[in-house]
Amino acid sequence: MMTGHEVWVGGWLGEGVGGVITNYFVVSLAMADMLVALCAMTFNASVELSGRWLFGAFMCNVWNSLDVYFSTASILHLCCISVDR
Protein backbone atom coordinates (compact mmCIF):
# COMPACT_ATOMS: atom_id res chain seq x y z
CA MET A 1 0.00 0.00 0.00
CA MET A 2 2.73 2.46 0.94
CA THR A 3 4.71 1.87 -2.23
CA GLY A 4 1.78 2.67 -4.49
CA HIS A 5 1.09 5.90 -2.65
CA GLU A 6 4.73 6.91 -2.74
CA VAL A 7 4.92 6.24 -6.48
CA TRP A 8 1.78 8.30 -7.11
CA VAL A 9 3.03 11.26 -5.08
CA GLY A 10 6.54 11.00 -6.50
CA GLY A 11 5.24 10.86 -10.04
CA TRP A 12 3.01 13.82 -9.43
CA LEU A 13 5.85 15.87 -7.96
CA GLY A 14 8.30 14.83 -10.68
CA GLU A 15 6.05 15.26 -13.69
CA GLY A 16 3.79 18.04 -12.48
CA VAL A 17 0.45 16.42 -13.27
CA GLY A 18 -1.28 19.65 -12.15
CA GLY A 19 -4.12 21.35 -13.91
CA VAL A 20 -6.93 18.94 -13.13
CA ILE A 21 -8.31 19.46 -9.64
CA THR A 22 -8.97 15.73 -9.26
CA ASN A 23 -5.21 15.10 -9.39
CA TYR A 24 -4.70 17.39 -6.42
CA PHE A 25 -7.41 15.54 -4.50
CA VAL A 26 -5.85 12.15 -5.34
CA VAL A 27 -2.36 13.25 -4.30
CA SER A 28 -3.74 14.74 -1.11
CA LEU A 29 -5.62 11.49 -0.44
CA ALA A 30 -2.40 9.53 -0.97
CA MET A 31 -0.61 11.78 1.52
CA ALA A 32 -3.42 11.40 4.08
CA ASP A 33 -3.34 7.61 3.66
CA MET A 34 0.43 7.58 4.13
CA LEU A 35 0.02 9.56 7.36
CA VAL A 36 -2.58 7.05 8.57
CA ALA A 37 -0.16 4.21 7.80
CA LEU A 38 2.83 5.89 9.45
CA CYS A 39 1.23 7.56 12.47
CA ALA A 40 -1.67 5.29 13.36
CA MET A 41 -1.13 1.79 12.00
CA THR A 42 2.42 1.46 13.31
CA PHE A 43 1.28 1.87 16.91
CA ASN A 44 -1.67 -0.43 16.29
CA ALA A 45 0.70 -3.07 14.90
CA SER A 46 2.84 -2.88 18.04
CA VAL A 47 -0.24 -3.43 20.21
CA GLU A 48 -1.29 -6.41 18.09
CA LEU A 49 2.17 -7.95 18.26
CA SER A 50 2.87 -7.37 21.95
CA GLY A 51 -0.67 -7.61 23.30
CA ARG A 52 -0.35 -4.41 25.34
CA TRP A 53 0.34 -0.68 25.00
CA LEU A 54 4.06 0.05 25.38
CA PHE A 55 4.27 3.82 24.95
CA GLY A 56 2.65 5.41 28.02
CA ALA A 57 -0.53 7.38 28.63
CA PHE A 58 0.54 10.53 26.78
CA MET A 59 1.39 8.68 23.56
CA CYS A 60 -1.87 6.75 23.85
CA ASN A 61 -3.75 10.05 23.70
CA VAL A 62 -1.58 11.30 20.84
CA TRP A 63 -2.09 8.06 18.92
CA ASN A 64 -5.86 8.16 19.36
CA SER A 65 -5.95 11.78 18.23
CA LEU A 66 -3.79 11.18 15.17
CA ASP A 67 -5.75 8.07 14.24
CA VAL A 68 -9.07 9.94 14.28
CA TYR A 69 -7.62 13.05 12.61
CA PHE A 70 -5.87 11.33 9.70
CA SER A 71 -8.65 8.77 9.15
CA THR A 72 -11.20 11.59 9.00
CA ALA A 73 -8.98 13.51 6.57
CA SER A 74 -8.78 10.44 4.34
CA ILE A 75 -12.55 9.98 4.37
CA LEU A 76 -13.14 13.66 3.59
CA HIS A 77 -10.73 13.42 0.65
CA LEU A 78 -12.77 10.53 -0.72
CA CYS A 79 -15.90 12.66 -0.37
CA CYS A 80 -14.25 15.52 -2.25
CA ILE A 81 -13.17 13.21 -5.06
CA SER A 82 -16.68 11.74 -5.38
CA VAL A 83 -18.30 15.21 -5.43
CA ASP A 84 -15.76 16.41 -8.00
CA ARG A 85 -16.56 13.53 -10.33
C-alpha atoms as a PDB file:
ATOM      1  CA  MET A   1       0.000   0.000   0.000  1.00  0.00           C
ATOM      2  CA  MET A   2       2.730   2.464   0.940  1.00  0.00           C
ATOM      3  CA  THR A   3       4.709   1.865  -2.228  1.00  0.00           C
ATOM      4  CA  GLY A   4       1.779   2.666  -4.488  1.00  0.00           C
ATOM      5  CA  HIS A   5       1.088   5.895  -2.651  1.00  0.00           C
ATOM      6  CA  GLU A   6       4.728   6.906  -2.738  1.00  0.00           C
ATOM      7  CA  VAL A   7       4.917   6.238  -6.481  1.00  0.00           C
ATOM      8  CA  TRP A   8       1.784   8.299  -7.112  1.00  0.00           C
ATOM      9  CA  VAL A   9       3.026  11.265  -5.081  1.00  0.00           C
ATOM     10  CA  GLY A  10       6.542  11.001  -6.502  1.00  0.00           C
ATOM     11  CA  GLY A  11       5.244  10.859 -10.045  1.00  0.00           C
ATOM     12  CA  TRP A  12       3.005  13.818  -9.435  1.00  0.00           C
ATOM     13  CA  LEU A  13       5.846  15.869  -7.955  1.00  0.00           C
ATOM     14  CA  GLY A  14       8.297  14.832 -10.681  1.00  0.00           C
ATOM     15  CA  GLU A  15       6.047  15.261 -13.693  1.00  0.00           C
ATOM     16  CA  GLY A  16       3.788  18.036 -12.478  1.00  0.00           C
ATOM     17  CA  VAL A  17       0.453  16.425 -13.267  1.00  0.00           C
ATOM     18  CA  GLY A  18      -1.279  19.646 -12.147  1.00  0.00           C
ATOM     19  CA  GLY A  19      -4.115  21.352 -13.912  1.00  0.00           C
ATOM     20  CA  VAL A  20      -6.926  18.942 -13.133  1.00  0.00           C
ATOM     21  CA  ILE A  21      -8.310  19.465  -9.637  1.00  0.00           C
ATOM     22  CA  THR A  22      -8.965  15.727  -9.257  1.00  0.00           C
ATOM     23  CA  ASN A  23      -5.208  15.105  -9.394  1.00  0.00           C
ATOM     24  CA  TYR A  24      -4.701  17.394  -6.421  1.00  0.00           C
ATOM     25  CA  PHE A  25      -7.406  15.535  -4.496  1.00  0.00           C
ATOM     26  CA  VAL A  26      -5.850  12.150  -5.337  1.00  0.00           C
ATOM     27  CA  VAL A  27      -2.356  13.248  -4.299  1.00  0.00           C
ATOM     28  CA  SER A  28      -3.742  14.741  -1.109  1.00  0.00           C
ATOM     29  CA  LEU A  29      -5.620  11.490  -0.437  1.00  0.00           C
ATOM     30  CA  ALA A  30      -2.399   9.532  -0.968  1.00  0.00           C
ATOM     31  CA  MET A  31      -0.611  11.782   1.522  1.00  0.00           C
ATOM     32  CA  ALA A  32      -3.425  11.399   4.077  1.00  0.00           C
ATOM     33  CA  ASP A  33      -3.340   7.612   3.665  1.00  0.00           C
ATOM     34  CA  MET A  34       0.432   7.577   4.131  1.00  0.00           C
ATOM     35  CA  LEU A  35       0.018   9.559   7.356  1.00  0.00           C
ATOM     36  CA  VAL A  36      -2.576   7.047   8.575  1.00  0.00           C
ATOM     37  CA  ALA A  37      -0.155   4.214   7.803  1.00  0.00           C
ATOM     38  CA  LEU A  38       2.828   5.891   9.454  1.00  0.00           C
ATOM     39  CA  CYS A  39       1.233   7.563  12.475  1.00  0.00           C
ATOM     40  CA  ALA A  40      -1.666   5.293  13.357  1.00  0.00           C
ATOM     41  CA  MET A  41      -1.132   1.790  12.004  1.00  0.00           C
ATOM     42  CA  THR A  42       2.420   1.456  13.311  1.00  0.00           C
ATOM     43  CA  PHE A  43       1.275   1.875  16.915  1.00  0.00           C
ATOM     44  CA  ASN A  44      -1.673  -0.433  16.288  1.00  0.00           C
ATOM     45  CA  ALA A  45       0.701  -3.074  14.904  1.00  0.00           C
ATOM     46  CA  SER A  46       2.841  -2.885  18.036  1.00  0.00           C
ATOM     47  CA  VAL A  47      -0.245  -3.430  20.207  1.00  0.00           C
ATOM     48  CA  GLU A  48      -1.290  -6.406  18.087  1.00  0.00           C
ATOM     49  CA  LEU A  49       2.174  -7.951  18.264  1.00  0.00           C
ATOM     50  CA  SER A  50       2.868  -7.374  21.949  1.00  0.00           C
ATOM     51  CA  GLY A  51      -0.670  -7.608  23.296  1.00  0.00           C
ATOM     52  CA  ARG A  52      -0.348  -4.405  25.339  1.00  0.00           C
ATOM     53  CA  TRP A  53       0.341  -0.683  25.001  1.00  0.00           C
ATOM     54  CA  LEU A  54       4.061   0.046  25.378  1.00  0.00           C
ATOM     55  CA  PHE A  55       4.265   3.815  24.954  1.00  0.00           C
ATOM     56  CA  GLY A  56       2.651   5.410  28.025  1.00  0.00           C
ATOM     57  CA  ALA A  57      -0.534   7.379  28.629  1.00  0.00           C
ATOM     58  CA  PHE A  58       0.540  10.533  26.775  1.00  0.00           C
ATOM     59  CA  MET A  59       1.392   8.677  23.563  1.00  0.00           C
ATOM     60  CA  CYS A  60      -1.874   6.748  23.849  1.00  0.00           C
ATOM     61  CA  ASN A  61      -3.751  10.049  23.701  1.00  0.00           C
ATOM     62  CA  VAL A  62      -1.575  11.305  20.844  1.00  0.00           C
ATOM     63  CA  TRP A  63      -2.086   8.062  18.924  1.00  0.00           C
ATOM     64  CA  ASN A  64      -5.863   8.159  19.362  1.00  0.00           C
ATOM     65  CA  SER A  65      -5.949  11.785  18.234  1.00  0.00           C
ATOM     66  CA  LEU A  66      -3.791  11.178  15.168  1.00  0.00           C
ATOM     67  CA  ASP A  67      -5.752   8.065  14.240  1.00  0.00           C
ATOM     68  CA  VAL A  68      -9.065   9.937  14.276  1.00  0.00           C
ATOM     69  CA  TYR A  69      -7.616  13.047  12.613  1.00  0.00           C
ATOM     70  CA  PHE A  70      -5.870  11.328   9.696  1.00  0.00           C
ATOM     71  CA  SER A  71      -8.651   8.775   9.147  1.00  0.00           C
ATOM     72  CA  THR A  72     -11.205  11.587   8.997  1.00  0.00           C
ATOM     73  CA  ALA A  73      -8.984  13.506   6.569  1.00  0.00           C
ATOM     74  CA  SER A  74      -8.775  10.439   4.345  1.00  0.00           C
ATOM     75  CA  ILE A  75     -12.554   9.978   4.372  1.00  0.00           C
ATOM     76  CA  LEU A  76     -13.138  13.658   3.587  1.00  0.00           C
ATOM     77  CA  HIS A  77     -10.732  13.425   0.650  1.00  0.00           C
ATOM     78  CA  LEU A  78     -12.768  10.525  -0.718  1.00  0.00           C
ATOM     79  CA  CYS A  79     -15.898  12.663  -0.368  1.00  0.00           C
ATOM     80  CA  CYS A  80     -14.251  15.525  -2.246  1.00  0.00           C
ATOM     81  CA  ILE A  81     -13.174  13.209  -5.056  1.00  0.00           C
ATOM     82  CA  SER A  82     -16.676  11.741  -5.375  1.00  0.00           C
ATOM     83  CA  VAL A  83     -18.295  15.208  -5.432  1.00  0.00           C
ATOM     84  CA  ASP A  84     -15.756  16.408  -7.998  1.00  0.00           C
ATOM     85  CA  ARG A  85     -16.558  13.533 -10.331  1.00  0.00           C
END
